[in-house]
Amino acid sequence: MIALLLITPVIAAIIAAIAGRTRQGIIEYVAVGAGIVQTLLALSIALATVSGKTVAMGSLFAADALGAFALLFTTVVGLAAAVHSVGYLREECQKGIIGFRRVREYYVLFHLFFFAMFVAAATASPIIMWTAIEATTLATAFLISFYNKPSALEAGWKHLIVNSVGLLLGFLGTLLFLDAAASAGDPGTFVSWDVLRALSASLDPMLIKIAFIFCLVGYGTKVGFVPMHTWLPDAHSKAPAPISSLLSGVLLNMALIAVLRFRAITDTVIDPSFTQHLLIGFGLVSLIVAALIIFGQKNYKRMLAYSSIEHMGLMAIGFAIGGAAAVAALFHMLYHALLKPILFLAAGNFFLKYSSTKTFKIHGALALIPFTAVVFFAALLAVSGIPPSGIFFTKLTILAAGIGEFPYTMFLVIVALTLILAGFLKSAISMLFSEPPADVPKGEANPWTVISILFLFTLFIVLSIYVPSPLKELITRAASMLQ
C-alpha cells in the first residue's frame, strides 16, 4: 500500500509532464483520479494501523498511527485541491492570465509536492523525513511564484530562503540526534524513530537538549511559529488558492508532526518540562501576534494565513500540556486541516470574481456568489470555535486541561481568540453584506470550485457531529505516541 501511495503521484506527474497542448483535460482528470486513489490507499493504511499494526515497506518506510493519520488528512485535502484546481485554472486560462505551459507546470509540481508529503508521513527515518520536507520547499517555491509577478516572485524567494535556512538548522538538529544514537551504540545513517526511542536511556541528555532546540527552530520555521513565520503570510497570499489550501492544511501540520516526533524522543531523555515550556512559549507568542495582525488586516488571504499561525500556536500549546489536551490538539489538527482549505478555496472564488485580495475591494459577495459567501462565513465562525463546530470542543478541552497549571497563559489565549473572532467578523461583514458592485456579474465561477468546497464542508460538518470509532481510535493511538 505504501509503494502504491508513493508511485501514484509520480505517475500522475509524468503524465502531466508529457501531455500535449490539446490534452489539458487528461491532465485534470488524472489529477482528480490520483487524488481518489491516494485517498483510498491512505484510508486502507489508516484502517490497518487502528489495531496497533505498522504498515511497513522495507526498513525505511513504516506508517504508524501518527503517520497514517497524517496521510489521511493529506490525501483528503489533496483530493479537494485537485478538484478545485480544475475549475480555478480553467478560469485563469479563459481570462488569458496563464497558458497551457503554466498549467502543465502547476500539475507536475502539484503531484511532486504530494509525493514528498507521503514520504515525510510514511518514513521511519528522521533523515528521510527532513529530506522530504525540504523537497516541498522547492516544489512550493515555484507554485508560490506561479504568476511571475514581482510580488509573487518576492514571496517565492522569501519562502525558499527563509525555509531553507530554517530547515538547515533542523538538519543540524537531526544530525545531533543521530550522533547521540551513534554514541549510544547505533551508528547507522537511517536510524529509525523506534531505534531512537529504544536507545533513549543511553542518549546524552545535553546533546539531546541542544538537538531539540535546533529541530524546534528549524521545523518551527516551516510550521510558522513566530518569529520564524515571516515567509508564511506572503506565500499564502500570492500562491494560487488550491496551493494556499495545501500549505495551510497539509504542509504546516506535517512540519509540526516532525517537531512532535523529536519531542517524544527528547521527553524520554530529559525532563519533559523543558520541551513543554518551549512549545507553550512559541505557541503563545504565535497566537498573540497573529491575533493582533488579524484584527487590523486588510488582505483576506493574509488574514487566513495569520489564522493558520494562530492555530499552529494553539496546537503547540495543546501538545505541550499533554494528556487530554494532546488528543484534543490532534482532533484540532484534523478539523483545521479541513476548515482552512475551505476558507482558502472560498477566498480563491472571491479572487476569481473580484480579481483582488484586498478586503475593501470585495463588496456584496453574499448577493453575487451566495454559496461561496455562506460557506466562507460559516467556516470563519467554525474556525473561530463557535459551537457546534468541532474546533469549539477542541479549544474548550485544551483550555480546560491547561487552566489549572497555566492559568495566565490560558487567559491570554482566551483574549487572543476573542480578538481574532472580532477581526474575522469585521472583515466578513464588510465583504459579504455590503452593496454589490453593478459591473460584476452574479454567479459562481465554476462548478468544480463549488464541488471541492462542498466536499470538505460536508465532511467537516459530519466529523463535528459524529466521529467514527476507527478514526477516534486512530487519533487516540497517534496521541499516545506523542506522550
Protein backbone atom coordinates (compact mmCIF):
# COMPACT_ATOMS: atom_id res chain seq x y z
CA MET A 1 0.00 0.00 0.00
CA ILE A 2 2.86 2.39 0.77
CA ALA A 3 4.52 1.58 -2.56
CA LEU A 4 1.27 2.29 -4.43
CA LEU A 5 0.77 5.51 -2.48
CA LEU A 6 4.26 6.73 -3.35
CA ILE A 7 4.14 5.78 -7.01
CA THR A 8 0.69 7.25 -7.77
CA PRO A 9 1.73 10.95 -7.66
CA VAL A 10 4.92 10.13 -9.59
CA ILE A 11 2.93 8.54 -12.42
CA ALA A 12 0.49 11.46 -12.39
CA ALA A 13 3.39 13.94 -12.58
CA ILE A 14 4.92 12.07 -15.54
CA ILE A 15 1.59 12.08 -17.40
CA ALA A 16 1.22 15.82 -16.76
CA ALA A 17 4.77 16.44 -17.98
CA ILE A 18 4.39 14.60 -21.30
CA ALA A 19 0.80 15.54 -22.14
CA GLY A 20 0.36 17.58 -25.30
CA ARG A 21 -1.19 21.02 -25.55
CA THR A 22 -4.57 19.60 -26.54
CA ARG A 23 -4.61 17.19 -23.61
CA GLN A 24 -5.30 19.53 -20.68
CA GLY A 25 -8.44 17.55 -19.87
CA ILE A 26 -6.36 14.39 -19.44
CA ILE A 27 -4.03 16.18 -17.02
CA GLU A 28 -7.01 17.41 -14.99
CA TYR A 29 -8.80 14.07 -14.79
CA VAL A 30 -5.58 12.24 -13.96
CA ALA A 31 -5.05 14.67 -11.06
CA VAL A 32 -8.55 14.04 -9.72
CA GLY A 33 -8.23 10.30 -10.28
CA ALA A 34 -4.87 10.23 -8.49
CA GLY A 35 -6.48 12.11 -5.61
CA ILE A 36 -9.20 9.49 -5.29
CA VAL A 37 -6.73 6.59 -5.44
CA GLN A 38 -4.44 8.24 -2.87
CA THR A 39 -7.35 8.85 -0.50
CA LEU A 40 -8.48 5.22 -0.72
CA LEU A 41 -4.93 3.98 -0.12
CA ALA A 42 -4.48 6.29 2.88
CA LEU A 43 -7.81 5.08 4.26
CA SER A 44 -6.66 1.47 3.90
CA ILE A 45 -3.39 2.23 5.69
CA ALA A 46 -5.28 4.04 8.47
CA LEU A 47 -7.65 1.12 8.99
CA ALA A 48 -4.67 -1.25 9.16
CA THR A 49 -2.97 0.82 11.87
CA VAL A 50 -6.07 1.23 14.04
CA SER A 51 -5.44 -2.19 15.57
CA GLY A 52 -1.92 -1.16 16.54
CA LYS A 53 -0.12 -2.53 13.50
CA THR A 54 2.51 -0.69 11.48
CA VAL A 55 2.25 -0.78 7.69
CA ALA A 56 5.86 -1.16 6.54
CA MET A 57 7.79 -1.25 3.28
CA GLY A 58 11.34 -2.36 3.95
CA SER A 59 13.25 -0.75 6.80
CA LEU A 60 12.96 2.87 5.67
CA PHE A 61 9.20 3.21 5.33
CA ALA A 62 6.68 2.40 8.04
CA ALA A 63 3.34 4.12 8.64
CA ASP A 64 2.38 4.02 12.30
CA ALA A 65 -0.85 5.52 13.70
CA LEU A 66 0.54 9.06 13.60
CA GLY A 67 1.83 8.66 10.04
CA ALA A 68 -1.46 7.10 8.91
CA PHE A 69 -3.38 9.99 10.47
CA ALA A 70 -1.18 12.46 8.57
CA LEU A 71 -1.66 10.56 5.33
CA LEU A 72 -5.41 10.54 5.81
CA PHE A 73 -5.95 14.29 6.09
CA THR A 74 -3.23 14.96 3.49
CA THR A 75 -4.97 12.88 0.82
CA VAL A 76 -8.45 14.22 1.63
CA VAL A 77 -7.28 17.82 1.31
CA GLY A 78 -5.27 16.86 -1.77
CA LEU A 79 -8.36 15.44 -3.46
CA ALA A 80 -10.32 18.63 -2.79
CA ALA A 81 -7.41 20.76 -4.04
CA ALA A 82 -7.17 18.68 -7.23
CA VAL A 83 -10.89 19.14 -7.92
CA HIS A 84 -10.71 22.87 -7.20
CA SER A 85 -7.61 23.26 -9.37
CA VAL A 86 -9.55 22.11 -12.43
CA GLY A 87 -12.07 24.93 -12.20
CA TYR A 88 -9.64 27.52 -10.87
CA LEU A 89 -7.07 27.07 -13.62
CA ARG A 90 -9.72 26.89 -16.33
CA GLU A 91 -10.99 30.29 -15.21
CA GLU A 92 -7.46 31.70 -15.23
CA CYS A 93 -6.90 30.31 -18.73
CA GLN A 94 -10.14 31.81 -20.03
CA LYS A 95 -9.06 35.22 -18.73
CA GLY A 96 -5.72 34.86 -20.52
CA ILE A 97 -3.76 35.08 -17.26
CA ILE A 98 -1.98 31.76 -17.81
CA GLY A 99 -1.46 29.35 -20.69
CA PHE A 100 -1.15 25.60 -21.11
CA ARG A 101 2.55 25.55 -20.25
CA ARG A 102 1.89 27.06 -16.85
CA VAL A 103 -0.99 24.65 -16.25
CA ARG A 104 1.29 21.70 -17.03
CA GLU A 105 4.00 23.01 -14.69
CA TYR A 106 1.39 23.51 -11.99
CA TYR A 107 0.20 19.90 -12.06
CA VAL A 108 3.71 18.44 -12.23
CA LEU A 109 4.73 20.40 -9.12
CA PHE A 110 1.36 19.66 -7.50
CA HIS A 111 1.95 15.89 -7.73
CA LEU A 112 5.61 16.12 -6.68
CA PHE A 113 4.51 18.05 -3.59
CA PHE A 114 2.27 15.15 -2.60
CA PHE A 115 4.99 12.61 -3.26
CA ALA A 116 7.21 14.49 -0.80
CA MET A 117 4.38 14.71 1.75
CA PHE A 118 3.69 10.98 1.52
CA VAL A 119 7.38 10.21 2.03
CA ALA A 120 7.51 12.51 5.07
CA ALA A 121 4.45 10.91 6.64
CA ALA A 122 5.32 7.28 5.92
CA THR A 123 9.06 7.16 6.55
CA ALA A 124 10.58 5.55 9.62
CA SER A 125 13.76 7.64 9.31
CA PRO A 126 14.23 11.19 10.67
CA ILE A 127 16.78 11.98 7.94
CA ILE A 128 14.38 10.94 5.16
CA MET A 129 11.60 12.98 6.76
CA TRP A 130 13.88 16.03 6.70
CA THR A 131 14.75 15.39 3.04
CA ALA A 132 11.08 15.09 2.09
CA ILE A 133 10.01 18.26 3.91
CA GLU A 134 12.93 20.13 2.36
CA ALA A 135 11.81 18.87 -1.06
CA THR A 136 8.42 20.51 -0.54
CA THR A 137 10.25 23.84 -0.25
CA LEU A 138 11.47 23.52 -3.83
CA ALA A 139 8.11 22.41 -5.23
CA THR A 140 6.07 25.06 -3.44
CA ALA A 141 8.56 27.87 -4.19
CA PHE A 142 7.68 27.63 -7.89
CA LEU A 143 3.97 27.30 -7.13
CA ILE A 144 4.02 30.39 -4.90
CA SER A 145 5.68 32.41 -7.69
CA PHE A 146 3.26 30.85 -10.20
CA TYR A 147 2.03 34.13 -11.69
CA ASN A 148 5.56 35.56 -12.21
CA LYS A 149 4.54 38.93 -10.80
CA PRO A 150 7.20 40.85 -8.82
CA SER A 151 5.33 40.40 -5.53
CA ALA A 152 4.83 36.67 -6.22
CA LEU A 153 8.49 36.22 -7.13
CA GLU A 154 9.47 38.01 -3.93
CA ALA A 155 7.18 35.74 -1.90
CA GLY A 156 8.62 32.68 -3.62
CA TRP A 157 12.22 33.70 -2.92
CA LYS A 158 11.40 34.60 0.69
CA HIS A 159 9.75 31.20 1.11
CA LEU A 160 12.76 29.47 -0.40
CA ILE A 161 15.43 31.34 1.57
CA VAL A 162 13.75 31.50 4.98
CA ASN A 163 12.64 27.87 4.93
CA SER A 164 15.97 26.61 3.58
CA VAL A 165 17.85 28.38 6.37
CA GLY A 166 15.35 27.16 8.93
CA LEU A 167 15.45 23.57 7.72
CA LEU A 168 19.24 23.73 7.67
CA LEU A 169 19.03 24.25 11.41
CA GLY A 170 16.54 21.38 11.56
CA PHE A 171 19.04 19.23 9.64
CA LEU A 172 21.74 20.07 12.18
CA GLY A 173 19.40 19.08 14.99
CA THR A 174 18.59 15.82 13.20
CA LEU A 175 22.30 15.05 12.81
CA LEU A 176 22.80 15.70 16.53
CA PHE A 177 20.08 13.16 17.31
CA LEU A 178 21.82 10.65 15.03
CA ASP A 179 25.17 11.47 16.65
CA ALA A 180 23.67 10.79 20.06
CA ALA A 181 22.38 7.44 18.73
CA ALA A 182 25.84 6.62 17.33
CA SER A 183 27.41 7.34 20.72
CA ALA A 184 24.81 5.09 22.33
CA GLY A 185 25.67 2.18 20.04
CA ASP A 186 23.82 2.61 16.70
CA PRO A 187 25.99 4.41 14.11
CA GLY A 188 23.55 3.87 11.20
CA THR A 189 22.64 6.76 8.88
CA PHE A 190 18.98 5.79 8.67
CA VAL A 191 18.30 5.34 12.37
CA SER A 192 14.55 5.00 12.87
CA TRP A 193 12.27 6.67 15.37
CA ASP A 194 11.83 3.32 17.14
CA VAL A 195 15.60 2.87 17.48
CA LEU A 196 15.98 6.38 18.95
CA ARG A 197 13.23 5.58 21.43
CA ALA A 198 14.83 2.26 22.34
CA LEU A 199 18.21 3.98 22.93
CA SER A 200 16.69 6.82 24.98
CA ALA A 201 18.19 5.61 28.25
CA SER A 202 21.69 5.82 26.74
CA LEU A 203 21.41 9.14 24.88
CA ASP A 204 23.41 12.14 26.09
CA PRO A 205 20.88 14.49 27.77
CA MET A 206 22.77 17.71 26.99
CA LEU A 207 23.25 16.75 23.36
CA ILE A 208 19.57 15.85 23.03
CA LYS A 209 18.54 19.16 24.59
CA ILE A 210 20.63 21.11 22.07
CA ALA A 211 19.42 18.92 19.21
CA PHE A 212 15.77 19.52 20.08
CA ILE A 213 16.22 23.29 20.15
CA PHE A 214 17.69 23.17 16.64
CA CYS A 215 14.84 20.92 15.45
CA LEU A 216 12.20 23.13 17.06
CA VAL A 217 13.55 26.31 15.47
CA GLY A 218 14.26 24.58 12.14
CA TYR A 219 10.98 22.76 11.64
CA GLY A 220 9.20 25.56 13.52
CA THR A 221 10.11 27.82 10.60
CA LYS A 222 8.06 25.54 8.36
CA VAL A 223 5.28 25.39 10.96
CA GLY A 224 5.11 29.17 11.01
CA PHE A 225 5.94 29.79 14.66
CA VAL A 226 6.64 33.45 15.45
CA PRO A 227 9.25 34.89 14.91
CA MET A 228 10.22 32.40 12.13
CA HIS A 229 6.90 32.98 10.35
CA THR A 230 7.88 35.81 8.01
CA TRP A 231 7.58 33.73 4.81
CA LEU A 232 4.11 32.41 5.53
CA PRO A 233 1.75 35.41 5.02
CA ASP A 234 3.44 36.36 1.74
CA ALA A 235 3.42 32.79 0.44
CA HIS A 236 -0.23 32.16 1.29
CA SER A 237 -1.39 35.45 -0.17
CA LYS A 238 0.44 35.10 -3.51
CA ALA A 239 0.02 31.40 -4.28
CA PRO A 240 -2.98 30.10 -6.27
CA ALA A 241 -5.87 29.29 -3.91
CA PRO A 242 -5.55 25.47 -4.13
CA ILE A 243 -1.86 25.73 -3.24
CA SER A 244 -2.63 28.04 -0.31
CA SER A 245 -5.04 25.39 0.95
CA LEU A 246 -2.27 22.77 0.80
CA LEU A 247 0.29 24.97 2.53
CA SER A 248 -2.06 25.61 5.42
CA GLY A 249 -3.96 22.34 5.62
CA VAL A 250 -1.10 19.91 4.94
CA LEU A 251 2.42 21.33 4.99
CA LEU A 252 2.28 23.20 8.32
CA ASN A 253 0.78 20.15 10.04
CA MET A 254 3.44 17.83 8.64
CA ALA A 255 6.21 20.09 9.93
CA LEU A 256 4.53 20.21 13.35
CA ILE A 257 4.35 16.41 13.40
CA ALA A 258 8.12 16.33 12.78
CA VAL A 259 8.64 18.58 15.82
CA LEU A 260 6.39 16.33 17.91
CA ARG A 261 8.26 13.17 16.91
CA PHE A 262 11.54 14.71 18.06
CA ARG A 263 9.85 15.95 21.20
CA ALA A 264 8.62 12.43 22.05
CA ILE A 265 12.23 11.21 21.93
CA THR A 266 13.52 14.21 23.91
CA ASP A 267 10.98 13.74 26.71
CA THR A 268 12.23 10.19 27.32
CA VAL A 269 15.77 11.52 27.84
CA ILE A 270 15.29 14.75 29.82
CA ASP A 271 12.63 16.37 31.99
CA PRO A 272 9.50 16.87 29.80
CA SER A 273 9.01 20.35 31.28
CA PHE A 274 11.87 21.54 29.04
CA THR A 275 10.03 20.89 25.79
CA GLN A 276 6.72 21.80 27.38
CA HIS A 277 7.79 25.34 28.21
CA LEU A 278 9.40 25.83 24.80
CA LEU A 279 6.27 24.76 22.96
CA ILE A 280 4.00 26.87 25.17
CA GLY A 281 6.27 29.88 24.69
CA PHE A 282 6.36 29.62 20.89
CA GLY A 283 2.67 28.76 20.75
CA LEU A 284 1.54 31.67 22.91
CA VAL A 285 3.68 34.26 21.12
CA SER A 286 2.46 32.98 17.75
CA LEU A 287 -1.16 33.17 18.86
CA ILE A 288 -0.90 36.70 20.28
CA VAL A 289 0.99 38.12 17.28
CA ALA A 290 -1.48 36.51 14.87
CA ALA A 291 -4.43 37.94 16.82
CA LEU A 292 -3.07 41.49 16.74
CA ILE A 293 -2.38 41.36 12.99
CA ILE A 294 -5.66 39.65 12.07
CA PHE A 295 -7.68 42.39 13.76
CA GLY A 296 -6.20 45.08 11.51
CA GLN A 297 -5.59 43.01 8.35
CA LYS A 298 -6.81 44.44 5.00
CA ASN A 299 -5.95 41.41 2.82
CA TYR A 300 -8.28 38.45 3.31
CA LYS A 301 -5.74 35.82 2.19
CA ARG A 302 -3.10 37.22 4.55
CA MET A 303 -5.76 37.21 7.27
CA LEU A 304 -6.27 33.49 6.70
CA ALA A 305 -2.51 32.97 6.70
CA TYR A 306 -2.18 34.55 10.12
CA SER A 307 -5.12 32.43 11.24
CA SER A 308 -3.01 29.38 10.35
CA ILE A 309 -0.22 30.73 12.55
CA GLU A 310 -2.77 31.15 15.33
CA HIS A 311 -3.93 27.55 15.08
CA MET A 312 -0.40 26.17 14.91
CA GLY A 313 0.31 28.08 18.11
CA LEU A 314 -2.81 26.72 19.80
CA MET A 315 -1.96 23.16 18.78
CA ALA A 316 1.57 23.60 20.14
CA ILE A 317 0.08 24.63 23.49
CA GLY A 318 -2.26 21.64 23.47
CA PHE A 319 0.53 19.18 22.71
CA ALA A 320 2.70 20.82 25.37
CA ILE A 321 0.04 20.36 28.06
CA GLY A 322 -0.35 16.69 27.11
CA GLY A 323 -2.96 14.16 28.17
CA ALA A 324 -6.48 15.04 27.05
CA ALA A 325 -5.16 18.29 25.57
CA ALA A 326 -2.84 16.35 23.25
CA VAL A 327 -5.72 14.23 21.97
CA ALA A 328 -7.76 17.42 21.51
CA ALA A 329 -4.83 19.01 19.64
CA LEU A 330 -4.78 16.11 17.17
CA PHE A 331 -8.53 16.48 16.63
CA HIS A 332 -7.88 20.20 16.22
CA MET A 333 -5.26 19.39 13.59
CA LEU A 334 -7.84 17.34 11.69
CA TYR A 335 -10.56 20.00 11.89
CA HIS A 336 -8.15 22.77 10.94
CA ALA A 337 -6.87 20.68 8.02
CA LEU A 338 -10.44 20.59 6.70
CA LEU A 339 -11.57 24.12 7.55
CA LYS A 340 -8.62 26.20 6.44
CA PRO A 341 -8.62 24.74 2.90
CA ILE A 342 -12.35 25.56 2.74
CA LEU A 343 -11.54 29.17 3.59
CA PHE A 344 -8.67 29.42 1.11
CA LEU A 345 -10.67 27.77 -1.67
CA ALA A 346 -13.54 30.17 -0.98
CA ALA A 347 -11.01 33.02 -0.99
CA GLY A 348 -9.94 31.76 -4.41
CA ASN A 349 -13.53 32.10 -5.61
CA PHE A 350 -13.56 35.69 -4.30
CA PHE A 351 -10.39 36.36 -6.26
CA LEU A 352 -11.84 34.86 -9.46
CA LYS A 353 -14.91 37.06 -9.09
CA TYR A 354 -13.31 40.34 -7.97
CA SER A 355 -9.67 39.97 -9.17
CA SER A 356 -8.39 41.31 -5.85
CA THR A 357 -7.26 40.02 -2.47
CA LYS A 358 -7.96 43.36 -0.77
CA THR A 359 -10.80 43.16 1.71
CA PHE A 360 -12.07 46.66 0.92
CA LYS A 361 -12.49 45.74 -2.77
CA ILE A 362 -14.87 42.83 -2.01
CA HIS A 363 -18.47 44.05 -1.83
CA GLY A 364 -21.79 42.23 -1.83
CA ALA A 365 -20.33 38.73 -2.06
CA LEU A 366 -23.47 37.28 -0.48
CA ALA A 367 -25.55 38.59 -3.37
CA LEU A 368 -23.09 37.71 -6.17
CA ILE A 369 -21.67 34.33 -5.09
CA PRO A 370 -24.08 33.19 -2.35
CA PHE A 371 -22.77 29.63 -1.92
CA THR A 372 -19.15 30.70 -1.51
CA ALA A 373 -20.13 33.60 0.75
CA VAL A 374 -22.30 31.48 3.06
CA VAL A 375 -19.71 28.71 3.37
CA PHE A 376 -16.91 31.25 3.89
CA PHE A 377 -18.82 32.94 6.71
CA ALA A 378 -19.79 29.62 8.30
CA ALA A 379 -16.20 28.36 8.08
CA LEU A 380 -14.90 31.58 9.64
CA LEU A 381 -17.23 31.10 12.58
CA ALA A 382 -16.32 27.42 12.82
CA VAL A 383 -12.57 28.02 12.73
CA SER A 384 -13.07 30.67 15.43
CA GLY A 385 -14.56 27.99 17.68
CA ILE A 386 -18.25 28.89 17.57
CA PRO A 387 -20.34 25.85 18.63
CA PRO A 388 -21.26 23.30 17.39
CA SER A 389 -18.00 23.37 15.41
CA GLY A 390 -15.60 20.58 16.29
CA ILE A 391 -12.97 23.26 16.94
CA PHE A 392 -15.14 24.61 19.76
CA PHE A 393 -14.74 21.33 21.63
CA THR A 394 -11.01 21.03 20.93
CA LYS A 395 -10.36 24.58 22.11
CA LEU A 396 -12.52 24.03 25.19
CA THR A 397 -10.64 20.82 26.04
CA ILE A 398 -7.23 22.47 25.65
CA LEU A 399 -8.26 25.44 27.79
CA ALA A 400 -9.83 23.22 30.46
CA ALA A 401 -6.74 20.99 30.59
CA GLY A 402 -4.36 23.92 30.94
CA ILE A 403 -6.26 26.30 33.19
CA GLY A 404 -5.10 24.62 36.39
CA GLU A 405 -1.36 24.57 35.65
CA PHE A 406 -1.09 27.60 33.33
CA PRO A 407 -3.92 30.00 34.28
CA TYR A 408 -2.26 33.17 32.95
CA THR A 409 -1.37 31.51 29.67
CA MET A 410 -4.94 30.30 29.20
CA PHE A 411 -6.25 33.79 29.99
CA LEU A 412 -4.04 35.28 27.26
CA VAL A 413 -5.20 32.55 24.86
CA ILE A 414 -8.85 33.47 25.52
CA VAL A 415 -8.15 37.17 24.97
CA ALA A 416 -6.32 36.42 21.70
CA LEU A 417 -9.11 34.14 20.45
CA THR A 418 -11.70 36.82 21.21
CA LEU A 419 -9.70 39.43 19.31
CA ILE A 420 -9.37 37.07 16.34
CA LEU A 421 -13.13 36.48 16.21
CA ALA A 422 -13.71 40.24 16.24
CA GLY A 423 -11.24 40.68 13.39
CA PHE A 424 -12.91 37.94 11.35
CA LEU A 425 -16.36 39.44 11.84
CA LYS A 426 -15.17 42.91 10.88
CA SER A 427 -13.73 41.68 7.59
CA ALA A 428 -16.55 39.26 6.79
CA ILE A 429 -19.32 41.80 7.33
CA SER A 430 -17.59 44.26 5.00
CA MET A 431 -17.03 41.62 2.30
CA LEU A 432 -20.34 39.79 2.40
CA PHE A 433 -23.11 42.15 3.47
CA SER A 434 -22.23 45.38 1.66
CA GLU A 435 -23.82 46.64 -1.55
CA PRO A 436 -22.64 44.60 -4.60
CA PRO A 437 -20.97 46.45 -7.50
CA ALA A 438 -23.12 46.82 -10.59
CA ASP A 439 -20.36 45.81 -13.04
CA VAL A 440 -19.65 42.37 -11.51
CA PRO A 441 -21.83 39.51 -12.84
CA LYS A 442 -23.67 37.21 -10.46
CA GLY A 443 -22.86 33.51 -10.20
CA GLU A 444 -20.19 31.09 -9.02
CA ALA A 445 -17.05 30.90 -11.12
CA ASN A 446 -17.12 27.20 -11.98
CA PRO A 447 -18.92 24.04 -10.76
CA TRP A 448 -15.55 22.44 -9.93
CA THR A 449 -14.80 25.25 -7.47
CA VAL A 450 -18.12 24.58 -5.75
CA ILE A 451 -17.82 20.78 -5.56
CA SER A 452 -14.44 20.93 -3.80
CA ILE A 453 -15.69 23.30 -1.11
CA LEU A 454 -18.93 21.36 -0.64
CA PHE A 455 -16.98 18.11 -0.23
CA LEU A 456 -14.74 19.44 2.54
CA PHE A 457 -17.51 21.38 4.28
CA THR A 458 -19.81 18.36 4.35
CA LEU A 459 -17.01 16.21 5.74
CA PHE A 460 -16.25 18.78 8.42
CA ILE A 461 -19.90 19.01 9.50
CA VAL A 462 -20.19 15.22 9.72
CA LEU A 463 -17.00 14.88 11.77
CA SER A 464 -18.06 17.72 14.09
CA ILE A 465 -21.27 15.84 14.90
CA TYR A 466 -20.06 12.25 14.75
CA VAL A 467 -16.53 10.82 14.82
CA PRO A 468 -16.40 7.18 13.61
CA SER A 469 -14.89 4.75 16.11
CA PRO A 470 -11.93 3.78 13.87
CA LEU A 471 -10.96 7.44 13.42
CA LYS A 472 -11.29 8.07 17.15
CA GLU A 473 -9.12 5.04 17.88
CA LEU A 474 -6.55 6.13 15.28
CA ILE A 475 -6.24 9.60 16.83
CA THR A 476 -6.03 8.17 20.35
CA ARG A 477 -3.21 5.84 19.31
CA ALA A 478 -1.43 8.66 17.50
CA ALA A 479 -1.68 10.83 20.62
CA SER A 480 -0.24 8.04 22.78
CA MET A 481 2.87 8.05 20.57
CA LEU A 482 3.48 11.70 21.43
CA GLN A 483 3.30 11.32 25.21
